[in-house]
């Protein structure tokens, strides 16, 4: 894509992904796109129960789960469900065919430590102004 939005389909800035969504044909699906702070568990429950919104959350991934690698293995996932009465959330991302369940606390901790990128993208991320994922997510309203 032009305008330094991405390289190899990777997004290291929530504002740039928000921009792509709003200027692309995807915007025909979503009536509103918002960058917000990482949601608390109640907000996740309410959003998942709503048929009008989904949440994209960046985090470090390992296999079919969440890890903390300072952003070196950051990916975007969709929060697709939660454990009724519990603290677990169901997340779907491109590398997990069936998604995975993790503790809300682990997902939040992973998001909060997104400071750097994997070696493959470090030069690119520096060139476009750094990484901007930590503590944030994107709400997509249909």
Protein backbone atom coordinates (compact mmCIF):
# COMPACT_ATOMS: atom_id res chain seq x y z
CA UNK A 1 0.00 0.00 0.00
CA UNK A 2 1.04 3.55 -0.55
CA UNK A 3 1.50 6.20 2.14
CA UNK A 4 3.56 3.88 4.36
CA UNK A 5 0.47 2.21 5.81
CA UNK A 6 1.86 -1.30 5.80
CA UNK A 7 4.53 -3.70 4.64
CA UNK A 8 3.62 -7.35 4.11
CA UNK A 9 0.17 -6.70 5.55
CA UNK A 10 1.47 -5.84 9.00
CA UNK A 11 0.10 -2.90 10.99
CA UNK A 12 2.08 -1.45 13.88
CA UNK A 13 -0.07 1.63 14.41
CA UNK A 14 -3.74 1.57 15.43
CA UNK A 15 -4.39 4.92 13.76
CA UNK A 16 -3.05 3.67 10.42
CA UNK A 17 -5.20 0.55 10.52
CA UNK A 18 -8.19 2.71 11.43
CA UNK A 19 -7.38 4.93 8.44
CA UNK A 20 -7.16 1.96 6.07
CA UNK A 21 -10.52 0.66 7.26
CA UNK A 22 -12.20 4.04 6.76
CA UNK A 23 -10.79 4.68 3.24
CA UNK A 24 -11.14 1.16 1.84
CA UNK A 25 -14.13 -0.82 0.63
CA UNK A 26 -14.25 -2.37 4.09
CA UNK A 27 -15.77 0.92 5.23
CA UNK A 28 -18.96 -0.12 3.42
CA UNK A 29 -19.41 -2.79 6.14
CA UNK A 30 -18.63 -0.63 9.17
CA UNK A 31 -20.61 2.52 9.90
CA UNK A 32 -18.07 3.67 12.48
CA UNK A 33 -14.47 2.84 13.38
CA UNK A 34 -12.91 4.02 16.65
CA UNK A 35 -9.53 3.66 18.32
CA UNK A 36 -10.03 3.24 22.07
CA UNK A 37 -8.14 2.22 25.17
CA UNK A 38 -7.94 -1.48 25.96
CA UNK A 39 -11.41 -2.47 27.23
CA UNK A 40 -12.22 -3.84 30.65
CA UNK A 41 -13.86 -7.25 30.92
CA UNK A 42 -17.37 -5.81 31.32
CA UNK A 43 -17.00 -3.87 28.07
CA UNK A 44 -15.82 -7.03 26.31
CA UNK A 45 -18.86 -8.93 27.61
CA UNK A 46 -21.24 -6.18 26.49
CA UNK A 47 -19.57 -5.85 23.08
CA UNK A 48 -19.54 -9.58 22.37
CA UNK A 49 -23.23 -9.72 23.32
CA UNK A 50 -23.95 -6.89 20.91
CA UNK A 51 -24.46 -7.72 17.27
CA UNK A 52 -23.41 -4.22 16.24
CA UNK A 53 -19.73 -4.10 17.24
CA UNK A 54 -16.53 -6.14 17.38
CA UNK A 55 -13.14 -5.37 18.92
CA UNK A 56 -9.76 -5.80 17.22
CA UNK A 57 -6.97 -6.14 19.79
CA UNK A 58 -3.22 -6.27 19.17
CA UNK A 59 -1.18 -8.65 21.34
CA UNK A 60 1.88 -10.91 21.19
CA UNK A 61 1.00 -14.40 20.02
CA UNK A 62 2.72 -17.75 20.49
CA UNK A 63 1.16 -20.75 18.76
CA UNK A 64 -2.47 -20.73 19.83
CA UNK A 65 -2.08 -18.40 22.76
CA UNK A 66 -0.91 -15.11 24.20
CA UNK A 67 2.62 -14.26 25.25
CA UNK A 68 4.71 -11.25 26.25
CA UNK A 69 7.64 -10.64 23.90
CA UNK A 70 7.62 -6.83 24.04
CA UNK A 71 5.81 -6.77 20.69
CA UNK A 72 8.22 -9.02 18.77
CA UNK A 73 5.37 -11.35 17.78
CA UNK A 74 2.50 -8.89 17.69
CA UNK A 75 -0.70 -9.80 15.84
CA UNK A 76 -4.25 -8.53 15.64
CA UNK A 77 -7.10 -10.64 16.95
CA UNK A 78 -10.86 -10.33 17.17
CA UNK A 79 -12.41 -10.90 20.58
CA UNK A 80 -15.13 -13.35 19.60
CA UNK A 81 -16.46 -14.60 22.93
CA UNK A 82 -15.95 -15.00 26.66
CA UNK A 83 -16.45 -17.48 29.44
CA UNK A 84 -19.78 -16.85 31.14
CA UNK A 85 -19.12 -15.73 34.72
CA UNK A 86 -15.37 -16.08 34.25
CA UNK A 87 -12.28 -14.18 33.26
CA UNK A 88 -11.48 -15.97 30.00
CA UNK A 89 -11.95 -14.60 26.48
CA UNK A 90 -12.06 -16.29 23.10
CA UNK A 91 -9.80 -14.70 20.47
CA UNK A 92 -9.56 -15.40 16.75
CA UNK A 93 -6.49 -14.38 14.75
CA UNK A 94 -4.98 -15.32 11.43
CA UNK A 95 -2.60 -17.96 12.80
CA UNK A 96 -5.17 -19.85 14.86
CA UNK A 97 -7.57 -21.81 12.69
CA UNK A 98 -10.02 -22.37 15.50
CA UNK A 99 -9.13 -19.46 17.73
CA UNK A 100 -8.06 -19.86 21.35
CA UNK A 101 -9.18 -19.14 24.90
CA UNK A 102 -6.98 -17.14 27.25
CA UNK A 103 -7.25 -15.29 30.53
CA UNK A 104 -8.42 -11.70 30.09
CA UNK A 105 -5.53 -10.62 32.34
CA UNK A 106 -2.98 -12.28 30.02
CA UNK A 107 -4.44 -10.60 26.93
CA UNK A 108 -4.39 -7.21 28.67
CA UNK A 109 -0.80 -7.72 29.88
CA UNK A 110 0.31 -8.73 26.40
CA UNK A 111 -1.30 -5.65 24.87
CA UNK A 112 0.23 -3.38 27.53
CA UNK A 113 3.80 -4.43 26.70
CA UNK A 114 3.78 -3.88 22.92
CA UNK A 115 6.89 -1.70 22.67
CA UNK A 116 8.97 -3.06 19.80
CA UNK A 117 8.53 -5.20 16.72
CA UNK A 118 10.04 -8.38 15.35
CA UNK A 119 13.44 -8.07 13.67
CA UNK A 120 11.94 -8.44 10.21
CA UNK A 121 10.07 -5.12 10.54
CA UNK A 122 12.19 -2.96 12.87
CA UNK A 123 13.66 -0.75 10.14
CA UNK A 124 10.27 -0.28 8.54
CA UNK A 125 8.54 0.57 11.82
CA UNK A 126 11.21 3.12 12.65
CA UNK A 127 10.89 4.61 9.16
CA UNK A 128 7.12 5.17 9.54
CA UNK A 129 7.20 6.68 13.01
CA UNK A 130 7.36 3.79 15.43
CA UNK A 131 5.00 1.32 16.98
CA UNK A 132 1.63 2.54 18.27
CA UNK A 133 -0.32 -0.44 19.62
CA UNK A 134 0.22 -0.49 23.38
CA UNK A 135 -2.92 -0.12 25.49
CA UNK A 136 -5.17 0.34 22.46
CA UNK A 137 -7.70 -1.46 20.30
CA UNK A 138 -10.11 -0.77 17.45
CA UNK A 139 -13.89 -0.93 17.70
CA UNK A 140 -15.73 -1.74 14.47
CA UNK A 141 -19.44 -0.86 14.45
CA UNK A 142 -21.73 -2.50 11.88
